[in-house]
Amino acid sequence: MKNKKTQALIPWLDTISQFFDTFRIGTAVNDLFNVMRIEDQAKGKLLFMPLFRGNFFRILICKTQGPRFLLPDETIYTSANSIYFTYPGKMESWQREETIYGYLICFTSEFAGIDPLKPKFEKDYPFFMRGANSLLRLSQQDMDKVSHTAETLLLEMKSGQEDNFEMMQTLLKVLLIQIRRLYYKD
């Protein structure tokens, strides 16, 4: 009974907008996909977030040392040139102390065209699996490549082009493949 009561107290953030509002990091462009430079977050952002769960995927690309993630069974310390992964339903909290440079990318499975229930999901996106290593450390050269793709995604999101959703979906797929190659490289 205690487990059900505890889970009921853990906030469930159903949309990317709810996530942005809860953390006070700005306004999400939409609830399917959002990318932002972390250093551009609103000044009133939370420095500590209590345990929560979200209903979307997130990739946090840290060019500098990032936050400390407090998971139910471990604490993960990010470092410069690292990528942190989370998936729908993952329980976590975090704490940060200083300005972080990098990118925050949030997206739904519908936007990315990925299905966690398909057999190939685990092979294609091992970093989004329960029990997988949530942190990937990169060389400076690999970080530069990933950051370039993230910046291109951000510019496309802001472009206002009529077909920018289609381009963002393609660029997100490129980013996920880049990350997969680096994940399997380790």
C-alpha atoms as a PDB file:
ATOM      1  CA  MET A   1       0.000   0.000   0.000  1.00  0.00           C
ATOM      2  CA  LYS A   2       2.852   2.384   0.800  1.00  0.00           C
ATOM      3  CA  ASN A   3       4.275   2.010  -2.735  1.00  0.00           C
ATOM      4  CA  LYS A   4       0.981   3.096  -4.369  1.00  0.00           C
ATOM      5  CA  LYS A   5       0.695   6.045  -1.999  1.00  0.00           C
ATOM      6  CA  THR A   6       4.306   7.098  -2.674  1.00  0.00           C
ATOM      7  CA  GLN A   7       3.818   6.875  -6.440  1.00  0.00           C
ATOM      8  CA  ALA A   8       0.642   8.944  -6.198  1.00  0.00           C
ATOM      9  CA  LEU A   9       2.657  11.747  -4.577  1.00  0.00           C
ATOM     10  CA  ILE A  10       5.244  11.844  -7.367  1.00  0.00           C
ATOM     11  CA  PRO A  11       4.196  14.449  -9.951  1.00  0.00           C
ATOM     12  CA  TRP A  12       3.530  13.177 -13.468  1.00  0.00           C
ATOM     13  CA  LEU A  13       4.333  15.813 -16.082  1.00  0.00           C
ATOM     14  CA  ASP A  14       2.248  14.789 -19.056  1.00  0.00           C
ATOM     15  CA  THR A  15       3.407  17.424 -21.546  1.00  0.00           C
ATOM     16  CA  ILE A  16       6.577  19.259 -22.453  1.00  0.00           C
ATOM     17  CA  SER A  17       4.787  22.524 -21.549  1.00  0.00           C
ATOM     18  CA  GLN A  18       4.089  21.216 -18.040  1.00  0.00           C
ATOM     19  CA  PHE A  19       7.771  20.319 -17.705  1.00  0.00           C
ATOM     20  CA  PHE A  20       8.871  23.819 -18.800  1.00  0.00           C
ATOM     21  CA  ASP A  21       6.305  25.487 -16.513  1.00  0.00           C
ATOM     22  CA  THR A  22       7.185  23.310 -13.499  1.00  0.00           C
ATOM     23  CA  PHE A  23      10.917  23.990 -13.818  1.00  0.00           C
ATOM     24  CA  ARG A  24      10.342  27.640 -14.788  1.00  0.00           C
ATOM     25  CA  ILE A  25      12.776  27.321 -17.703  1.00  0.00           C
ATOM     26  CA  GLY A  26      10.748  29.247 -20.253  1.00  0.00           C
ATOM     27  CA  THR A  27       7.873  28.507 -22.607  1.00  0.00           C
ATOM     28  CA  ALA A  28       7.811  25.368 -24.715  1.00  0.00           C
ATOM     29  CA  VAL A  29       7.208  26.024 -28.400  1.00  0.00           C
ATOM     30  CA  ASN A  30       4.879  22.993 -28.570  1.00  0.00           C
ATOM     31  CA  ASP A  31       4.146  19.703 -26.796  1.00  0.00           C
ATOM     32  CA  LEU A  32       5.616  17.398 -29.457  1.00  0.00           C
ATOM     33  CA  PHE A  33       9.179  18.696 -29.686  1.00  0.00           C
ATOM     34  CA  ASN A  34      11.314  21.386 -28.126  1.00  0.00           C
ATOM     35  CA  VAL A  35      15.008  22.216 -28.142  1.00  0.00           C
ATOM     36  CA  MET A  36      16.744  25.017 -26.287  1.00  0.00           C
ATOM     37  CA  ARG A  37      20.193  26.134 -25.236  1.00  0.00           C
ATOM     38  CA  ILE A  38      20.360  25.400 -21.523  1.00  0.00           C
ATOM     39  CA  GLU A  39      22.147  28.674 -20.818  1.00  0.00           C
ATOM     40  CA  ASP A  40      19.154  30.543 -22.313  1.00  0.00           C
ATOM     41  CA  GLN A  41      16.748  29.276 -19.640  1.00  0.00           C
ATOM     42  CA  ALA A  42      14.703  31.771 -17.678  1.00  0.00           C
ATOM     43  CA  LYS A  43      16.381  33.358 -14.642  1.00  0.00           C
ATOM     44  CA  GLY A  44      13.785  32.008 -12.161  1.00  0.00           C
ATOM     45  CA  LYS A  45      14.518  28.345 -12.940  1.00  0.00           C
ATOM     46  CA  LEU A  46      14.541  25.855 -10.085  1.00  0.00           C
ATOM     47  CA  LEU A  47      17.916  24.794  -8.701  1.00  0.00           C
ATOM     48  CA  PHE A  48      16.431  21.680  -7.114  1.00  0.00           C
ATOM     49  CA  MET A  49      13.576  19.617  -8.463  1.00  0.00           C
ATOM     50  CA  PRO A  50      11.883  17.026  -6.248  1.00  0.00           C
ATOM     51  CA  LEU A  51      11.160  13.566  -7.615  1.00  0.00           C
ATOM     52  CA  PHE A  52       8.954  13.584 -10.737  1.00  0.00           C
ATOM     53  CA  ARG A  53       8.130  11.592 -13.887  1.00  0.00           C
ATOM     54  CA  GLY A  54       7.489  12.830 -17.414  1.00  0.00           C
ATOM     55  CA  ASN A  55       5.577  11.442 -20.374  1.00  0.00           C
ATOM     56  CA  PHE A  56       8.190  12.189 -23.067  1.00  0.00           C
ATOM     57  CA  PHE A  57      11.840  11.618 -23.930  1.00  0.00           C
ATOM     58  CA  ARG A  58      14.592  14.063 -22.946  1.00  0.00           C
ATOM     59  CA  ILE A  59      18.194  14.414 -23.951  1.00  0.00           C
ATOM     60  CA  LEU A  60      20.392  16.785 -21.970  1.00  0.00           C
ATOM     61  CA  ILE A  61      23.613  17.592 -23.817  1.00  0.00           C
ATOM     62  CA  CYS A  62      26.087  19.085 -21.310  1.00  0.00           C
ATOM     63  CA  LYS A  63      29.006  20.954 -22.830  1.00  0.00           C
ATOM     64  CA  THR A  64      30.021  22.003 -19.316  1.00  0.00           C
ATOM     65  CA  GLN A  65      29.450  20.274 -15.999  1.00  0.00           C
ATOM     66  CA  GLY A  66      25.734  19.811 -15.569  1.00  0.00           C
ATOM     67  CA  PRO A  67      23.268  18.941 -12.835  1.00  0.00           C
ATOM     68  CA  ARG A  68      23.370  16.022 -10.453  1.00  0.00           C
ATOM     69  CA  PHE A  69      20.506  13.593 -11.090  1.00  0.00           C
ATOM     70  CA  LEU A  70      19.027  11.880  -8.060  1.00  0.00           C
ATOM     71  CA  LEU A  71      17.378   8.653  -9.184  1.00  0.00           C
ATOM     72  CA  PRO A  72      15.612   6.223  -6.853  1.00  0.00           C
ATOM     73  CA  ASP A  73      18.558   3.784  -6.916  1.00  0.00           C
ATOM     74  CA  GLU A  74      21.589   5.933  -7.831  1.00  0.00           C
ATOM     75  CA  THR A  75      23.014   9.438  -8.140  1.00  0.00           C
ATOM     76  CA  ILE A  76      24.435  10.463 -11.510  1.00  0.00           C
ATOM     77  CA  TYR A  77      26.977  13.258 -11.742  1.00  0.00           C
ATOM     78  CA  THR A  78      27.190  14.835 -15.165  1.00  0.00           C
ATOM     79  CA  SER A  79      30.428  16.284 -16.424  1.00  0.00           C
ATOM     80  CA  ALA A  80      31.541  18.406 -19.332  1.00  0.00           C
ATOM     81  CA  ASN A  81      30.969  16.615 -22.642  1.00  0.00           C
ATOM     82  CA  SER A  82      28.236  14.294 -21.444  1.00  0.00           C
ATOM     83  CA  ILE A  83      24.717  13.380 -22.492  1.00  0.00           C
ATOM     84  CA  TYR A  84      21.989  12.406 -20.017  1.00  0.00           C
ATOM     85  CA  PHE A  85      18.948  10.402 -21.173  1.00  0.00           C
ATOM     86  CA  THR A  86      15.457   9.994 -19.815  1.00  0.00           C
ATOM     87  CA  TYR A  87      12.347   8.275 -21.125  1.00  0.00           C
ATOM     88  CA  PRO A  88       8.602   8.320 -20.359  1.00  0.00           C
ATOM     89  CA  GLY A  89       7.881   7.234 -16.798  1.00  0.00           C
ATOM     90  CA  LYS A  90      11.456   7.472 -15.477  1.00  0.00           C
ATOM     91  CA  MET A  91      11.506   8.770 -11.892  1.00  0.00           C
ATOM     92  CA  GLU A  92      14.170  11.361 -11.191  1.00  0.00           C
ATOM     93  CA  SER A  93      15.000  14.582  -9.459  1.00  0.00           C
ATOM     94  CA  TRP A  94      17.943  16.865 -10.013  1.00  0.00           C
ATOM     95  CA  GLN A  95      20.028  19.548  -8.401  1.00  0.00           C
ATOM     96  CA  ARG A  96      22.150  22.181 -10.087  1.00  0.00           C
ATOM     97  CA  GLU A  97      24.470  24.826  -8.750  1.00  0.00           C
ATOM     98  CA  GLU A  98      25.749  26.881 -11.653  1.00  0.00           C
ATOM     99  CA  THR A  99      24.995  27.826 -15.238  1.00  0.00           C
ATOM    100  CA  ILE A 100      25.101  24.878 -17.610  1.00  0.00           C
ATOM    101  CA  TYR A 101      25.998  25.196 -21.276  1.00  0.00           C
ATOM    102  CA  GLY A 102      24.517  22.780 -23.772  1.00  0.00           C
ATOM    103  CA  TYR A 103      21.125  21.727 -25.088  1.00  0.00           C
ATOM    104  CA  LEU A 104      17.875  20.360 -23.720  1.00  0.00           C
ATOM    105  CA  ILE A 105      15.856  18.361 -26.237  1.00  0.00           C
ATOM    106  CA  CYS A 106      12.369  17.091 -25.360  1.00  0.00           C
ATOM    107  CA  PHE A 107      10.213  15.036 -27.713  1.00  0.00           C
ATOM    108  CA  THR A 108       7.348  12.584 -27.821  1.00  0.00           C
ATOM    109  CA  SER A 109       7.556   9.140 -29.385  1.00  0.00           C
ATOM    110  CA  GLU A 110       4.955  10.278 -31.929  1.00  0.00           C
ATOM    111  CA  PHE A 111       7.110  13.197 -33.075  1.00  0.00           C
ATOM    112  CA  ALA A 112      10.239  11.043 -33.331  1.00  0.00           C
ATOM    113  CA  GLY A 113       8.385   8.200 -35.025  1.00  0.00           C
ATOM    114  CA  ILE A 114       9.668   5.675 -32.501  1.00  0.00           C
ATOM    115  CA  ASP A 115       7.698   2.968 -30.740  1.00  0.00           C
ATOM    116  CA  PRO A 116       9.087   1.634 -27.439  1.00  0.00           C
ATOM    117  CA  LEU A 117       6.954  -1.507 -27.858  1.00  0.00           C
ATOM    118  CA  LYS A 118       8.624  -2.585 -31.114  1.00  0.00           C
ATOM    119  CA  PRO A 119      11.322  -5.271 -30.828  1.00  0.00           C
ATOM    120  CA  LYS A 120      13.943  -3.137 -32.610  1.00  0.00           C
ATOM    121  CA  PHE A 121      13.550  -0.245 -30.118  1.00  0.00           C
ATOM    122  CA  GLU A 122      16.040  -1.696 -27.620  1.00  0.00           C
ATOM    123  CA  LYS A 123      18.748  -2.075 -30.289  1.00  0.00           C
ATOM    124  CA  ASP A 124      18.067   1.311 -31.911  1.00  0.00           C
ATOM    125  CA  TYR A 125      17.712   3.321 -28.689  1.00  0.00           C
ATOM    126  CA  PRO A 126      19.563   1.427 -25.933  1.00  0.00           C
ATOM    127  CA  PHE A 127      20.058   4.644 -23.931  1.00  0.00           C
ATOM    128  CA  PHE A 128      16.275   4.961 -23.478  1.00  0.00           C
ATOM    129  CA  MET A 129      15.894   1.521 -21.881  1.00  0.00           C
ATOM    130  CA  ARG A 130      15.188   0.968 -18.204  1.00  0.00           C
ATOM    131  CA  GLY A 131      18.400  -0.167 -16.525  1.00  0.00           C
ATOM    132  CA  ALA A 132      20.625   1.287 -19.254  1.00  0.00           C
ATOM    133  CA  ASN A 133      23.451   3.662 -18.491  1.00  0.00           C
ATOM    134  CA  SER A 134      21.765   7.087 -18.297  1.00  0.00           C
ATOM    135  CA  LEU A 135      24.951   9.022 -18.981  1.00  0.00           C
ATOM    136  CA  LEU A 136      27.247   8.970 -21.976  1.00  0.00           C
ATOM    137  CA  ARG A 137      30.621  10.722 -21.744  1.00  0.00           C
ATOM    138  CA  LEU A 138      32.086  12.042 -25.000  1.00  0.00           C
ATOM    139  CA  SER A 139      35.393  13.253 -26.379  1.00  0.00           C
ATOM    140  CA  GLN A 140      35.549  16.924 -27.333  1.00  0.00           C
ATOM    141  CA  GLN A 141      35.436  15.995 -31.026  1.00  0.00           C
ATOM    142  CA  ASP A 142      32.294  13.870 -30.562  1.00  0.00           C
ATOM    143  CA  MET A 143      30.671  16.611 -28.442  1.00  0.00           C
ATOM    144  CA  ASP A 144      31.344  19.127 -31.193  1.00  0.00           C
ATOM    145  CA  LYS A 145      29.508  16.926 -33.747  1.00  0.00           C
ATOM    146  CA  VAL A 146      26.521  16.325 -31.469  1.00  0.00           C
ATOM    147  CA  SER A 147      26.359  20.008 -30.491  1.00  0.00           C
ATOM    148  CA  HIS A 148      26.413  21.047 -34.147  1.00  0.00           C
ATOM    149  CA  THR A 149      23.379  18.839 -34.866  1.00  0.00           C
ATOM    150  CA  ALA A 150      21.567  20.167 -31.764  1.00  0.00           C
ATOM    151  CA  GLU A 151      22.270  23.768 -32.814  1.00  0.00           C
ATOM    152  CA  THR A 152      20.975  23.004 -36.324  1.00  0.00           C
ATOM    153  CA  LEU A 153      17.794  21.582 -34.737  1.00  0.00           C
ATOM    154  CA  LEU A 154      17.380  24.759 -32.679  1.00  0.00           C
ATOM    155  CA  LEU A 155      17.843  27.019 -35.701  1.00  0.00           C
ATOM    156  CA  GLU A 156      15.338  24.965 -37.686  1.00  0.00           C
ATOM    157  CA  MET A 157      12.779  25.136 -34.859  1.00  0.00           C
ATOM    158  CA  LYS A 158      13.106  28.928 -34.853  1.00  0.00           C
ATOM    159  CA  SER A 159      13.112  29.236 -38.662  1.00  0.00           C
ATOM    160  CA  GLY A 160       9.350  29.433 -39.088  1.00  0.00           C
ATOM    161  CA  GLN A 161       9.621  27.558 -42.369  1.00  0.00           C
ATOM    162  CA  GLU A 162       6.426  25.887 -43.514  1.00  0.00           C
ATOM    163  CA  ASP A 163       8.093  22.450 -43.533  1.00  0.00           C
ATOM    164  CA  ASN A 164      10.177  22.865 -40.366  1.00  0.00           C
ATOM    165  CA  PHE A 165       8.448  19.996 -38.491  1.00  0.00           C
ATOM    166  CA  GLU A 166       9.488  17.617 -41.257  1.00  0.00           C
ATOM    167  CA  MET A 167      13.066  18.944 -41.149  1.00  0.00           C
ATOM    168  CA  MET A 168      13.176  18.766 -37.328  1.00  0.00           C
ATOM    169  CA  GLN A 169      11.984  15.157 -37.390  1.00  0.00           C
ATOM    170  CA  THR A 170      14.776  14.315 -39.840  1.00  0.00           C
ATOM    171  CA  LEU A 171      17.408  16.184 -37.828  1.00  0.00           C
ATOM    172  CA  LEU A 172      16.237  14.507 -34.604  1.00  0.00           C
ATOM    173  CA  LYS A 173      16.634  11.131 -36.308  1.00  0.00           C
ATOM    174  CA  VAL A 174      20.187  12.130 -37.353  1.00  0.00           C
ATOM    175  CA  LEU A 175      20.971  13.148 -33.759  1.00  0.00           C
ATOM    176  CA  LEU A 176      19.610   9.881 -32.362  1.00  0.00           C
ATOM    177  CA  ILE A 177      21.717   7.885 -34.835  1.00  0.00           C
ATOM    178  CA  GLN A 178      24.828   9.915 -33.936  1.00  0.00           C
ATOM    179  CA  ILE A 179      24.201   9.227 -30.250  1.00  0.00           C
ATOM    180  CA  ARG A 180      23.539   5.523 -30.893  1.00  0.00           C
ATOM    181  CA  ARG A 181      26.880   5.191 -32.708  1.00  0.00           C
ATOM    182  CA  LEU A 182      28.670   6.869 -29.798  1.00  0.00           C
ATOM    183  CA  TYR A 183      26.791   4.755 -27.248  1.00  0.00           C
ATOM    184  CA  TYR A 184      27.838   1.518 -28.944  1.00  0.00           C
ATOM    185  CA  LYS A 185      31.394   2.852 -29.417  1.00  0.00           C
ATOM    186  CA  ASP A 186      31.980   2.807 -25.630  1.00  0.00           C
END
